[in-house]
Amino acid sequence: MTRSEKRIRAKARRLRREKKKRIAMAMAAIIVTLIIILVCIKFTATETVAENTSRFSKKYYKSYMIEAGDTLWTIAESECGPRWKNKWDYIDEVMRINGLHSEKIRAGKYLSLPYYT
């Protein structure tokens, strides 16, 4: 092997090592960025929950008579307040409170509905 071939191979090895280092640094930067983003999201979510909890501190229940044509979804549309993220969360809580295992409800029966003040 000639001297110039050795130099070329040495340069190629050096370039591969440098490329690996750049890739490792880029991956480390991406991981650190993701960790920072996740921490920010965690603290933001915690503050939002704390704000909602302080605004809606007391939970109450009211009795609701199911009328013909009512569904849990239509009840959630009329009764769901800002405490719940979406209507599905409200429906889940109504089902849990009333011991419902399916979304089928019957007219004439009563449901306990939660609300906050």
PDB file of N, CA and C in Angstrom:
ATOM      1  N   MET A   1       0.853  -1.165   0.000  1.00  0.00           N
ATOM      2  CA  MET A   1       0.000   0.000   0.000  1.00  0.00           C
ATOM      3  C   MET A   1       0.906   1.237   0.000  1.00  0.00           C
ATOM      4  N   THR A   2       0.588   2.144  -0.851  1.00  0.00           N
ATOM      5  CA  THR A   2       1.421   3.334  -0.984  1.00  0.00           C
ATOM      6  C   THR A   2       1.045   4.365   0.069  1.00  0.00           C
ATOM      7  N   ARG A   3       1.908   5.332   0.158  1.00  0.00           N
ATOM      8  CA  ARG A   3       1.720   6.390   1.138  1.00  0.00           C
ATOM      9  C   ARG A   3       0.435   7.173   0.862  1.00  0.00           C
ATOM     10  N   SER A   4       0.146   7.471  -0.379  1.00  0.00           N
ATOM     11  CA  SER A   4      -1.067   8.230  -0.722  1.00  0.00           C
ATOM     12  C   SER A   4      -2.327   7.413  -0.434  1.00  0.00           C
ATOM     13  N   GLU A   5      -2.290   6.106  -0.653  1.00  0.00           N
ATOM     14  CA  GLU A   5      -3.439   5.257  -0.330  1.00  0.00           C
ATOM     15  C   GLU A   5      -3.696   5.245   1.172  1.00  0.00           C
ATOM     16  N   LYS A   6      -2.596   5.194   1.950  1.00  0.00           N
ATOM     17  CA  LYS A   6      -2.744   5.226   3.409  1.00  0.00           C
ATOM     18  C   LYS A   6      -3.386   6.533   3.856  1.00  0.00           C
ATOM     19  N   ARG A   7      -2.954   7.643   3.247  1.00  0.00           N
ATOM     20  CA  ARG A   7      -3.530   8.944   3.594  1.00  0.00           C
ATOM     21  C   ARG A   7      -5.018   8.996   3.232  1.00  0.00           C
ATOM     22  N   ILE A   8      -5.350   8.455   2.080  1.00  0.00           N
ATOM     23  CA  ILE A   8      -6.754   8.463   1.643  1.00  0.00           C
ATOM     24  C   ILE A   8      -7.610   7.643   2.599  1.00  0.00           C
ATOM     25  N   ARG A   9      -7.132   6.463   2.974  1.00  0.00           N
ATOM     26  CA  ARG A   9      -7.882   5.616   3.911  1.00  0.00           C
ATOM     27  C   ARG A   9      -7.991   6.273   5.290  1.00  0.00           C
ATOM     28  N   ALA A  10      -6.902   6.873   5.748  1.00  0.00           N
ATOM     29  CA  ALA A  10      -6.924   7.558   7.049  1.00  0.00           C
ATOM     30  C   ALA A  10      -7.932   8.707   7.027  1.00  0.00           C
ATOM     31  N   LYS A  11      -7.940   9.446   5.911  1.00  0.00           N
ATOM     32  CA  LYS A  11      -8.881  10.559   5.793  1.00  0.00           C
ATOM     33  C   LYS A  11     -10.321  10.037   5.775  1.00  0.00           C
ATOM     34  N   ALA A  12     -10.552   8.927   5.078  1.00  0.00           N
ATOM     35  CA  ALA A  12     -11.892   8.337   5.025  1.00  0.00           C
ATOM     36  C   ALA A  12     -12.339   7.893   6.418  1.00  0.00           C
ATOM     37  N   ARG A  13     -11.430   7.262   7.187  1.00  0.00           N
ATOM     38  CA  ARG A  13     -11.765   6.847   8.559  1.00  0.00           C
ATOM     39  C   ARG A  13     -12.092   8.057   9.424  1.00  0.00           C
ATOM     40  N   ARG A  14     -11.280   9.106   9.284  1.00  0.00           N
ATOM     41  CA  ARG A  14     -11.496  10.321  10.064  1.00  0.00           C
ATOM     42  C   ARG A  14     -12.856  10.940   9.715  1.00  0.00           C
ATOM     43  N   LEU A  15     -13.187  10.972   8.434  1.00  0.00           N
ATOM     44  CA  LEU A  15     -14.476  11.522   8.006  1.00  0.00           C
ATOM     45  C   LEU A  15     -15.643  10.695   8.547  1.00  0.00           C
ATOM     46  N   ARG A  16     -15.501   9.349   8.560  1.00  0.00           N
ATOM     47  CA  ARG A  16     -16.558   8.498   9.119  1.00  0.00           C
ATOM     48  C   ARG A  16     -16.734   8.766  10.610  1.00  0.00           C
ATOM     49  N   ARG A  17     -15.620   8.896  11.341  1.00  0.00           N
ATOM     50  CA  ARG A  17     -15.701   9.189  12.785  1.00  0.00           C
ATOM     51  C   ARG A  17     -16.379  10.534  13.022  1.00  0.00           C
ATOM     52  N   GLU A  18     -16.007  11.530  12.229  1.00  0.00           N
ATOM     53  CA  GLU A  18     -16.616  12.852  12.382  1.00  0.00           C
ATOM     54  C   GLU A  18     -18.117  12.807  12.081  1.00  0.00           C
ATOM     55  N   LYS A  19     -18.491  12.043  11.062  1.00  0.00           N
ATOM     56  CA  LYS A  19     -19.904  11.907  10.719  1.00  0.00           C
ATOM     57  C   LYS A  19     -20.665  11.236  11.855  1.00  0.00           C
ATOM     58  N   LYS A  20     -20.085  10.184  12.453  1.00  0.00           N
ATOM     59  CA  LYS A  20     -20.723   9.517  13.589  1.00  0.00           C
ATOM     60  C   LYS A  20     -20.886  10.478  14.760  1.00  0.00           C
ATOM     61  N   LYS A  21     -19.854  11.304  15.002  1.00  0.00           N
ATOM     62  CA  LYS A  21     -19.938  12.279  16.095  1.00  0.00           C
ATOM     63  C   LYS A  21     -21.048  13.291  15.833  1.00  0.00           C
ATOM     64  N   ARG A  22     -21.150  13.780  14.580  1.00  0.00           N
ATOM     65  CA  ARG A  22     -22.205  14.743  14.244  1.00  0.00           C
ATOM     66  C   ARG A  22     -23.586  14.124  14.429  1.00  0.00           C
ATOM     67  N   ILE A  23     -23.741  12.874  14.016  1.00  0.00           N
ATOM     68  CA  ILE A  23     -25.027  12.195  14.181  1.00  0.00           C
ATOM     69  C   ILE A  23     -25.351  12.029  15.664  1.00  0.00           C
ATOM     70  N   ALA A  24     -24.351  11.637  16.457  1.00  0.00           N
ATOM     71  CA  ALA A  24     -24.563  11.471  17.898  1.00  0.00           C
ATOM     72  C   ALA A  24     -24.950  12.798  18.545  1.00  0.00           C
ATOM     73  N   MET A  25     -24.295  13.884  18.152  1.00  0.00           N
ATOM     74  CA  MET A  25     -24.619  15.200  18.711  1.00  0.00           C
ATOM     75  C   MET A  25     -26.035  15.631  18.305  1.00  0.00           C
ATOM     76  N   ALA A  26     -26.398  15.370  17.064  1.00  0.00           N
ATOM     77  CA  ALA A  26     -27.742  15.727  16.604  1.00  0.00           C
ATOM     78  C   ALA A  26     -28.797  14.937  17.376  1.00  0.00           C
ATOM     79  N   MET A  27     -28.558  13.655  17.582  1.00  0.00           N
ATOM     80  CA  MET A  27     -29.504  12.825  18.345  1.00  0.00           C
ATOM     81  C   MET A  27     -29.615  13.325  19.784  1.00  0.00           C
ATOM     82  N   ALA A  28     -28.490  13.675  20.385  1.00  0.00           N
ATOM     83  CA  ALA A  28     -28.512  14.194  21.753  1.00  0.00           C
ATOM     84  C   ALA A  28     -29.309  15.493  21.816  1.00  0.00           C
ATOM     85  N   ALA A  29     -29.119  16.362  20.830  1.00  0.00           N
ATOM     86  CA  ALA A  29     -29.853  17.629  20.799  1.00  0.00           C
ATOM     87  C   ALA A  29     -31.352  17.384  20.644  1.00  0.00           C
ATOM     88  N   ILE A  30     -31.725  16.431  19.811  1.00  0.00           N
ATOM     89  CA  ILE A  30     -33.142  16.105  19.618  1.00  0.00           C
ATOM     90  C   ILE A  30     -33.742  15.562  20.909  1.00  0.00           C
ATOM     91  N   ILE A  31     -33.027  14.685  21.587  1.00  0.00           N
ATOM     92  CA  ILE A  31     -33.525  14.102  22.839  1.00  0.00           C
ATOM     93  C   ILE A  31     -33.699  15.184  23.903  1.00  0.00           C
ATOM     94  N   VAL A  32     -32.719  16.068  24.032  1.00  0.00           N
ATOM     95  CA  VAL A  32     -32.810  17.151  25.017  1.00  0.00           C
ATOM     96  C   VAL A  32     -34.000  18.057  24.687  1.00  0.00           C
ATOM     97  N   THR A  33     -34.183  18.364  23.414  1.00  0.00           N
ATOM     98  CA  THR A  33     -35.311  19.202  23.002  1.00  0.00           C
ATOM     99  C   THR A  33     -36.642  18.537  23.340  1.00  0.00           C
ATOM    100  N   LEU A  34     -36.758  17.245  23.061  1.00  0.00           N
ATOM    101  CA  LEU A  34     -37.993  16.526  23.384  1.00  0.00           C
ATOM    102  C   LEU A  34     -38.262  16.512  24.885  1.00  0.00           C
ATOM    103  N   ILE A  35     -37.222  16.324  25.677  1.00  0.00           N
ATOM    104  CA  ILE A  35     -37.387  16.330  27.136  1.00  0.00           C
ATOM    105  C   ILE A  35     -37.885  17.693  27.601  1.00  0.00           C
ATOM    106  N   ILE A  36     -37.309  18.757  27.061  1.00  0.00           N
ATOM    107  CA  ILE A  36     -37.732  20.105  27.441  1.00  0.00           C
ATOM    108  C   ILE A  36     -39.191  20.332  27.059  1.00  0.00           C
ATOM    109  N   ILE A  37     -39.575  19.907  25.867  1.00  0.00           N
ATOM    110  CA  ILE A  37     -40.961  20.069  25.422  1.00  0.00           C
ATOM    111  C   ILE A  37     -41.911  19.293  26.329  1.00  0.00           C
ATOM    112  N   LEU A  38     -41.564  18.050  26.664  1.00  0.00           N
ATOM    113  CA  LEU A  38     -42.424  17.242  27.532  1.00  0.00           C
ATOM    114  C   LEU A  38     -42.566  17.857  28.920  1.00  0.00           C
ATOM    115  N   VAL A  39     -41.478  18.396  29.458  1.00  0.00           N
ATOM    116  CA  VAL A  39     -41.541  19.040  30.774  1.00  0.00           C
ATOM    117  C   VAL A  39     -42.454  20.264  30.711  1.00  0.00           C
ATOM    118  N   CYS A  40     -42.325  21.056  29.646  1.00  0.00           N
ATOM    119  CA  CYS A  40     -43.194  22.233  29.499  1.00  0.00           C
ATOM    120  C   CYS A  40     -44.658  21.830  29.403  1.00  0.00           C
ATOM    121  N   ILE A  41     -44.942  20.795  28.641  1.00  0.00           N
ATOM    122  CA  ILE A  41     -46.321  20.320  28.509  1.00  0.00           C
ATOM    123  C   ILE A  41     -46.846  19.841  29.855  1.00  0.00           C
ATOM    124  N   LYS A  42     -46.028  19.125  30.598  1.00  0.00           N
ATOM    125  CA  LYS A  42     -46.430  18.603  31.911  1.00  0.00           C
ATOM    126  C   LYS A  42     -46.806  19.745  32.844  1.00  0.00           C
ATOM    127  N   PHE A  43     -45.943  20.775  32.913  1.00  0.00           N
ATOM    128  CA  PHE A  43     -46.229  21.884  33.816  1.00  0.00           C
ATOM    129  C   PHE A  43     -47.438  22.685  33.352  1.00  0.00           C
ATOM    130  N   THR A  44     -47.612  22.850  32.063  1.00  0.00           N
ATOM    131  CA  THR A  44     -48.770  23.566  31.544  1.00  0.00           C
ATOM    132  C   THR A  44     -50.051  22.816  31.873  1.00  0.00           C
ATOM    133  N   ALA A  45     -50.041  21.503  31.678  1.00  0.00           N
ATOM    134  CA  ALA A  45     -51.225  20.696  31.978  1.00  0.00           C
ATOM    135  C   ALA A  45     -51.544  20.742  33.467  1.00  0.00           C
ATOM    136  N   THR A  46     -50.526  20.687  34.310  1.00  0.00           N
ATOM    137  CA  THR A  46     -50.729  20.739  35.756  1.00  0.00           C
ATOM    138  C   THR A  46     -51.348  22.068  36.161  1.00  0.00           C
ATOM    139  N   GLU A  47     -50.861  23.166  35.580  1.00  0.00           N
ATOM    140  CA  GLU A  47     -51.415  24.471  35.903  1.00  0.00           C
ATOM    141  C   GLU A  47     -52.864  24.571  35.445  1.00  0.00           C
ATOM    142  N   THR A  48     -53.178  24.039  34.276  1.00  0.00           N
ATOM    143  CA  THR A  48     -54.542  24.085  33.763  1.00  0.00           C
ATOM    144  C   THR A  48     -55.488  23.306  34.666  1.00  0.00           C
ATOM    145  N   VAL A  49     -55.084  22.128  35.100  1.00  0.00           N
ATOM    146  CA  VAL A  49     -55.915  21.329  36.005  1.00  0.00           C
ATOM    147  C   VAL A  49     -56.108  22.068  37.319  1.00  0.00           C
ATOM    148  N   ALA A  50     -55.041  22.683  37.829  1.00  0.00           N
ATOM    149  CA  ALA A  50     -55.146  23.428  39.082  1.00  0.00           C
ATOM    150  C   ALA A  50     -56.106  24.603  38.926  1.00  0.00           C
ATOM    151  N   GLU A  51     -56.039  25.302  37.790  1.00  0.00           N
ATOM    152  CA  GLU A  51     -56.956  26.414  37.559  1.00  0.00           C
ATOM    153  C   GLU A  51     -58.395  25.921  37.500  1.00  0.00           C
ATOM    154  N   ASN A  52     -58.632  24.840  36.770  1.00  0.00           N
ATOM    155  CA  ASN A  52     -59.989  24.295  36.663  1.00  0.00           C
ATOM    156  C   ASN A  52     -60.498  23.819  38.012  1.00  0.00           C
ATOM    157  N   THR A  53     -59.632  23.194  38.799  1.00  0.00           N
ATOM    158  CA  THR A  53     -60.035  22.700  40.108  1.00  0.00           C
ATOM    159  C   THR A  53     -60.408  23.854  41.023  1.00  0.00           C
ATOM    160  N   SER A  54     -59.643  24.947  40.967  1.00  0.00           N
ATOM    161  CA  SER A  54     -59.946  26.074  41.840  1.00  0.00           C
ATOM    162  C   SER A  54     -61.226  26.782  41.399  1.00  0.00           C
ATOM    163  N   ARG A  55     -61.471  26.850  40.093  1.00  0.00           N
ATOM    164  CA  ARG A  55     -62.686  27.500  39.614  1.00  0.00           C
ATOM    165  C   ARG A  55     -63.924  26.667  39.899  1.00  0.00           C
ATOM    166  N   PHE A  56     -63.802  25.351  39.798  1.00  0.00           N
ATOM    167  CA  PHE A  56     -64.935  24.452  39.997  1.00  0.00           C
ATOM    168  C   PHE A  56     -64.632  23.566  41.196  1.00  0.00           C
ATOM    169  N   SER A  57     -64.755  24.138  42.379  1.00  0.00           N
ATOM    170  CA  SER A  57     -64.280  23.419  43.548  1.00  0.00           C
ATOM    171  C   SER A  57     -65.292  22.433  44.124  1.00  0.00           C
ATOM    172  N   LYS A  58     -66.568  22.675  43.981  1.00  0.00           N
ATOM    173  CA  LYS A  58     -67.565  21.801  44.599  1.00  0.00           C
ATOM    174  C   LYS A  58     -68.340  21.036  43.539  1.00  0.00           C
ATOM    175  N   LYS A  59     -68.433  19.738  43.759  1.00  0.00           N
ATOM    176  CA  LYS A  59     -69.163  18.879  42.833  1.00  0.00           C
ATOM    177  C   LYS A  59     -70.516  18.538  43.452  1.00  0.00           C
ATOM    178  N   TYR A  60     -71.564  18.702  42.668  1.00  0.00           N
ATOM    179  CA  TYR A  60     -72.913  18.392  43.106  1.00  0.00           C
ATOM    180  C   TYR A  60     -73.552  17.440  42.103  1.00  0.00           C
ATOM    181  N   TYR A  61     -74.694  16.902  42.486  1.00  0.00           N
ATOM    182  CA  TYR A  61     -75.434  16.002  41.608  1.00  0.00           C
ATOM    183  C   TYR A  61     -76.879  16.453  41.545  1.00  0.00           C
ATOM    184  N   LYS A  62     -77.465  16.291  40.379  1.00  0.00           N
ATOM    185  CA  LYS A  62     -78.892  16.577  40.254  1.00  0.00           C
ATOM    186  C   LYS A  62     -79.560  15.386  39.586  1.00  0.00           C
ATOM    187  N   SER A  63     -80.834  15.254  39.854  1.00  0.00           N
ATOM    188  CA  SER A  63     -81.610  14.154  39.290  1.00  0.00           C
ATOM    189  C   SER A  63     -82.197  14.610  37.958  1.00  0.00           C
ATOM    190  N   TYR A  64     -82.110  13.751  36.980  1.00  0.00           N
ATOM    191  CA  TYR A  64     -82.600  14.070  35.638  1.00  0.00           C
ATOM    192  C   TYR A  64     -83.510  12.944  35.170  1.00  0.00           C
ATOM    193  N   MET A  65     -84.765  13.293  34.816  1.00  0.00           N
ATOM    194  CA  MET A  65     -85.674  12.274  34.305  1.00  0.00           C
ATOM    195  C   MET A  65     -85.467  12.136  32.796  1.00  0.00           C
ATOM    196  N   ILE A  66     -85.224  10.909  32.372  1.00  0.00           N
ATOM    197  CA  ILE A  66     -84.985  10.640  30.957  1.00  0.00           C
ATOM    198  C   ILE A  66     -86.310  10.728  30.207  1.00  0.00           C
ATOM    199  N   GLU A  67     -86.309  11.509  29.142  1.00  0.00           N
ATOM    200  CA  GLU A  67     -87.503  11.665  28.317  1.00  0.00           C
ATOM    201  C   GLU A  67     -87.346  10.847  27.037  1.00  0.00           C
ATOM    202  N   ALA A  68     -88.454  10.606  26.365  1.00  0.00           N
ATOM    203  CA  ALA A  68     -88.414   9.846  25.109  1.00  0.00           C
ATOM    204  C   ALA A  68     -87.495  10.558  24.117  1.00  0.00           C
ATOM    205  N   GLY A  69     -86.636   9.808  23.488  1.00  0.00           N
ATOM    206  CA  GLY A  69     -85.711  10.371  22.500  1.00  0.00           C
ATOM    207  C   GLY A  69     -84.381  10.822  23.080  1.00  0.00           C
ATOM    208  N   ASP A  70     -84.267  10.850  24.409  1.00  0.00           N
ATOM    209  CA  ASP A  70     -82.992  11.235  25.026  1.00  0.00           C
ATOM    210  C   ASP A  70     -81.942  10.149  24.812  1.00  0.00           C
ATOM    211  N   THR A  71     -80.719  10.590  24.613  1.00  0.00           N
ATOM    212  CA  THR A  71     -79.561   9.693  24.605  1.00  0.00           C
ATOM    213  C   THR A  71     -78.534  10.316  25.536  1.00  0.00           C
ATOM    214  N   LEU A  72     -77.536   9.554  25.906  1.00  0.00           N
ATOM    215  CA  LEU A  72     -76.487  10.131  26.751  1.00  0.00           C
ATOM    216  C   LEU A  72     -75.810  11.300  26.041  1.00  0.00           C
ATOM    217  N   TRP A  73     -75.712  11.199  24.730  1.00  0.00           N
ATOM    218  CA  TRP A  73     -75.066  12.276  23.976  1.00  0.00           C
ATOM    219  C   TRP A  73     -75.901  13.560  24.029  1.00  0.00           C
ATOM    220  N   THR A  74     -77.223  13.464  23.838  1.00  0.00           N
ATOM    221  CA  THR A  74     -78.057  14.669  23.877  1.00  0.00           C
ATOM    222  C   THR A  74     -78.097  15.256  25.287  1.00  0.00           C
ATOM    223  N   ILE A  75     -78.074  14.392  26.289  1.00  0.00           N
ATOM    224  CA  ILE A  75     -78.026  14.883  27.670  1.00  0.00           C
ATOM    225  C   ILE A  75     -76.701  15.601  27.907  1.00  0.00           C
ATOM    226  N   ALA A  76     -75.605  15.027  27.421  1.00  0.00           N
ATOM    227  CA  ALA A  76     -74.289  15.661  27.582  1.00  0.00           C
ATOM    228  C   ALA A  76     -74.250  17.005  26.868  1.00  0.00           C
ATOM    229  N   GLU A  77     -74.879  17.098  25.705  1.00  0.00           N
ATOM    230  CA  GLU A  77     -74.893  18.375  24.982  1.00  0.00           C
ATOM    231  C   GLU A  77     -75.578  19.474  25.781  1.00  0.00           C
ATOM    232  N   SER A  78     -76.626  19.121  26.519  1.00  0.00           N
ATOM    233  CA  SER A  78     -77.351  20.147  27.269  1.00  0.00           C
ATOM    234  C   SER A  78     -76.809  20.349  28.683  1.00  0.00           C
ATOM    235  N   GLU A  79     -76.186  19.338  29.273  1.00  0.00           N
ATOM    236  CA  GLU A  79     -75.785  19.419  30.677  1.00  0.00           C
ATOM    237  C   GLU A  79     -74.279  19.542  30.910  1.00  0.00           C
ATOM    238  N   CYS A  80     -73.471  19.194  29.933  1.00  0.00           N
ATOM    239  CA  CYS A  80     -72.012  19.180  30.104  1.00  0.00           C
ATOM    240  C   CYS A  80     -71.493  20.607  30.246  1.00  0.00           C
ATOM    241  N   GLY A  81     -70.790  20.874  31.329  1.00  0.00           N
ATOM    242  CA  GLY A  81     -70.235  22.196  31.558  1.00  0.00           C
ATOM    243  C   GLY A  81     -68.768  22.267  31.161  1.00  0.00           C
ATOM    244  N   PRO A  82     -68.120  23.398  31.430  1.00  0.00           N
ATOM    245  CA  PRO A  82     -66.721  23.586  31.031  1.00  0.00           C
ATOM    246  C   PRO A  82     -65.729  22.753  31.840  1.00  0.00           C
ATOM    247  N   ARG A  83     -66.163  22.093  32.884  1.00  0.00           N
ATOM    248  CA  ARG A  83     -65.262  21.285  33.721  1.00  0.00           C
ATOM    249  C   ARG A  83     -64.716  20.085  32.962  1.00  0.00           C
ATOM    250  N   TRP A  84     -65.486  19.562  32.032  1.00  0.00           N
ATOM    251  CA  TRP A  84     -65.072  18.371  31.298  1.00  0.00           C
ATOM    252  C   TRP A  84     -64.394  18.774  30.003  1.00  0.00           C
ATOM    253  N   LYS A  85     -63.373  18.007  29.628  1.00  0.00           N
ATOM    254  CA  LYS A  85     -62.635  18.302  28.397  1.00  0.00           C
ATOM    255  C   LYS A  85     -63.531  18.168  27.174  1.00  0.00           C
ATOM    256  N   ASN A  86     -64.375  17.161  27.181  1.00  0.00           N
ATOM    257  CA  ASN A  86     -65.271  16.934  26.049  1.00  0.00           C
ATOM    258  C   ASN A  86     -66.494  16.160  26.540  1.00  0.00           C
ATOM    259  N   LYS A  87     -67.423  15.984  25.658  1.00  0.00           N
ATOM    260  CA  LYS A  87     -68.677  15.316  26.037  1.00  0.00           C
ATOM    261  C   LYS A  87     -68.467  13.850  26.390  1.00  0.00           C
ATOM    262  N   TRP A  88     -67.470  13.202  25.779  1.00  0.00           N
ATOM    263  CA  TRP A  88     -67.211  11.787  26.091  1.00  0.00           C
ATOM    264  C   TRP A  88     -66.772  11.620  27.543  1.00  0.00           C
ATOM    265  N   ASP A  89     -65.972  12.562  28.063  1.00  0.00           N
ATOM    266  CA  ASP A  89     -65.577  12.495  29.472  1.00  0.00           C
ATOM    267  C   ASP A  89     -66.802  12.618  30.377  1.00  0.00           C
ATOM    268  N   TYR A  90     -67.699  13.527  30.011  1.00  0.00           N
ATOM    269  CA  TYR A  90     -68.922  13.707  30.790  1.00  0.00           C
ATOM    270  C   TYR A  90     -69.773  12.438  30.752  1.00  0.00           C
ATOM    271  N   ILE A  91     -69.938  11.859  29.566  1.00  0.00           N
ATOM    272  CA  ILE A  91     -70.730  10.630  29.427  1.00  0.00           C
ATOM    273  C   ILE A  91     -70.108   9.504  30.246  1.00  0.00           C
ATOM    274  N   ASP A  92     -68.785   9.381  30.204  1.00  0.00           N
ATOM    275  CA  ASP A  92     -68.111   8.343  30.999  1.00  0.00           C
ATOM    276  C   ASP A  92     -68.406   8.516  32.484  1.00  0.00           C
ATOM    277  N   GLU A  93     -68.366   9.763  32.955  1.00  0.00           N
ATOM    278  CA  GLU A  93     -68.635   9.992  34.377  1.00  0.00           C
ATOM    279  C   GLU A  93     -70.096   9.703  34.723  1.00  0.00           C
ATOM    280  N   VAL A  94     -71.016  10.099  33.860  1.00  0.00           N
ATOM    281  CA  VAL A  94     -72.440   9.812  34.099  1.00  0.00           C
ATOM    282  C   VAL A  94     -72.664   8.305  34.156  1.00  0.00           C
ATOM    283  N   MET A  95     -72.044   7.577  33.239  1.00  0.00           N
ATOM    284  CA  MET A  95     -72.196   6.115  33.234  1.00  0.00           C
ATOM    285  C   MET A  95     -71.619   5.509  34.511  1.00  0.00           C
ATOM    286  N   ARG A  96     -70.468   6.003  34.950  1.00  0.00           N
ATOM    287  CA  ARG A  96     -69.835   5.479  36.166  1.00  0.00           C
ATOM    288  C   ARG A  96     -70.698   5.770  37.390  1.00  0.00           C
ATOM    289  N   ILE A  97     -71.185   6.992  37.505  1.00  0.00           N
ATOM    290  CA  ILE A  97     -71.995   7.389  38.659  1.00  0.00           C
ATOM    291  C   ILE A  97     -73.273   6.557  38.746  1.00  0.00           C
ATOM    292  N   ASN A  98     -73.890   6.303  37.600  1.00  0.00           N
ATOM    293  CA  ASN A  98     -75.178   5.608  37.566  1.00  0.00           C
ATOM    294  C   ASN A  98     -75.053   4.105  37.392  1.00  0.00           C
ATOM    295  N   GLY A  99     -73.833   3.592  37.361  1.00  0.00           N
ATOM    296  CA  GLY A  99     -73.622   2.153  37.236  1.00  0.00           C
ATOM    297  C   GLY A  99     -74.082   1.586  35.901  1.00  0.00           C
ATOM    298  N   LEU A 100     -73.984   2.394  34.851  1.00  0.00           N
ATOM    299  CA  LEU A 100     -74.399   1.940  33.522  1.00  0.00           C
ATOM    300  C   LEU A 100     -73.256   1.185  32.853  1.00  0.00           C
ATOM    301  N   HIS A 101     -73.588   0.085  32.209  1.00  0.00           N
ATOM    302  CA  HIS A 101     -72.577  -0.701  31.501  1.00  0.00           C
ATOM    303  C   HIS A 101     -72.705  -0.557  29.993  1.00  0.00           C
ATOM    304  N   SER A 102     -73.772   0.099  29.553  1.00  0.00           N
ATOM    305  CA  SER A 102     -73.926   0.398  28.131  1.00  0.00           C
ATOM    306  C   SER A 102     -74.548   1.788  28.032  1.00  0.00           C
ATOM    307  N   GLU A 103     -74.583   2.320  26.833  1.00  0.00           N
ATOM    308  CA  GLU A 103     -75.114   3.666  26.636  1.00  0.00           C
ATOM    309  C   GLU A 103     -76.631   3.686  26.450  1.00  0.00           C
ATOM    310  N   LYS A 104     -77.273   2.547  26.601  1.00  0.00           N
ATOM    311  CA  LYS A 104     -78.724   2.475  26.442  1.00  0.00           C
ATOM    312  C   LYS A 104     -79.409   2.980  27.705  1.00  0.00           C
ATOM    313  N   ILE A 105     -80.330   3.927  27.515  1.00  0.00           N
ATOM    314  CA  ILE A 105     -81.118   4.449  28.633  1.00  0.00           C
ATOM    315  C   ILE A 105     -82.593   4.385  28.235  1.00  0.00           C
ATOM    316  N   ARG A 106     -83.475   4.368  29.255  1.00  0.00           N
ATOM    317  CA  ARG A 106     -84.911   4.225  28.999  1.00  0.00           C
ATOM    318  C   ARG A 106     -85.668   5.434  29.533  1.00  0.00           C
ATOM    319  N   ALA A 107     -86.644   5.867  28.746  1.00  0.00           N
ATOM    320  CA  ALA A 107     -87.485   6.997  29.149  1.00  0.00           C
ATOM    321  C   ALA A 107     -88.214   6.653  30.444  1.00  0.00           C
ATOM    322  N   GLY A 108     -88.361   7.659  31.306  1.00  0.00           N
ATOM    323  CA  GLY A 108     -89.053   7.475  32.575  1.00  0.00           C
ATOM    324  C   GLY A 108     -88.120   7.167  33.730  1.00  0.00           C
ATOM    325  N   LYS A 109     -86.918   6.706  33.450  1.00  0.00           N
ATOM    326  CA  LYS A 109     -85.933   6.425  34.501  1.00  0.00           C
ATOM    327  C   LYS A 109     -85.216   7.727  34.858  1.00  0.00           C
ATOM    328  N   TYR A 110     -84.478   7.689  35.954  1.00  0.00           N
ATOM    329  CA  TYR A 110     -83.744   8.866  36.399  1.00  0.00           C
ATOM    330  C   TYR A 110     -82.241   8.613  36.349  1.00  0.00           C
ATOM    331  N   LEU A 111     -81.510   9.679  36.057  1.00  0.00           N
ATOM    332  CA  LEU A 111     -80.044   9.650  36.094  1.00  0.00           C
ATOM    333  C   LEU A 111     -79.568  10.692  37.091  1.00  0.00           C
ATOM    334  N   SER A 112     -78.477  10.401  37.757  1.00  0.00           N
ATOM    335  CA  SER A 112     -77.795  11.413  38.562  1.00  0.00           C
ATOM    336  C   SER A 112     -76.753  12.058  37.660  1.00  0.00           C
ATOM    337  N   LEU A 113     -76.821  13.383  37.547  1.00  0.00           N
ATOM    338  CA  LEU A 113     -75.892  14.110  36.682  1.00  0.00           C
ATOM    339  C   LEU A 113     -74.993  15.002  37.529  1.00  0.00           C
ATOM    340  N   PRO A 114     -73.699  14.961  37.302  1.00  0.00           N
ATOM    341  CA  PRO A 114     -72.780  15.796  38.068  1.00  0.00           C
ATOM    342  C   PRO A 114     -72.699  17.215  37.493  1.00  0.00           C
ATOM    343  N   TYR A 115     -72.443  18.157  38.368  1.00  0.00           N
ATOM    344  CA  TYR A 115     -72.133  19.519  37.930  1.00  0.00           C
ATOM    345  C   TYR A 115     -71.282  20.173  39.011  1.00  0.00           C
ATOM    346  N   TYR A 116     -70.572  21.225  38.637  1.00  0.00           N
ATOM    347  CA  TYR A 116     -69.675  21.922  39.557  1.00  0.00           C
ATOM    348  C   TYR A 116     -70.132  23.354  39.741  1.00  0.00           C
ATOM    349  N   THR A 117     -69.824  23.900  40.931  1.00  0.00           N
ATOM    350  CA  THR A 117     -70.113  25.311  41.184  1.00  0.00           C
ATOM    351  C   THR A 117     -68.844  26.019  41.559  1.00  0.00           C
TER     352      THR A 117
END
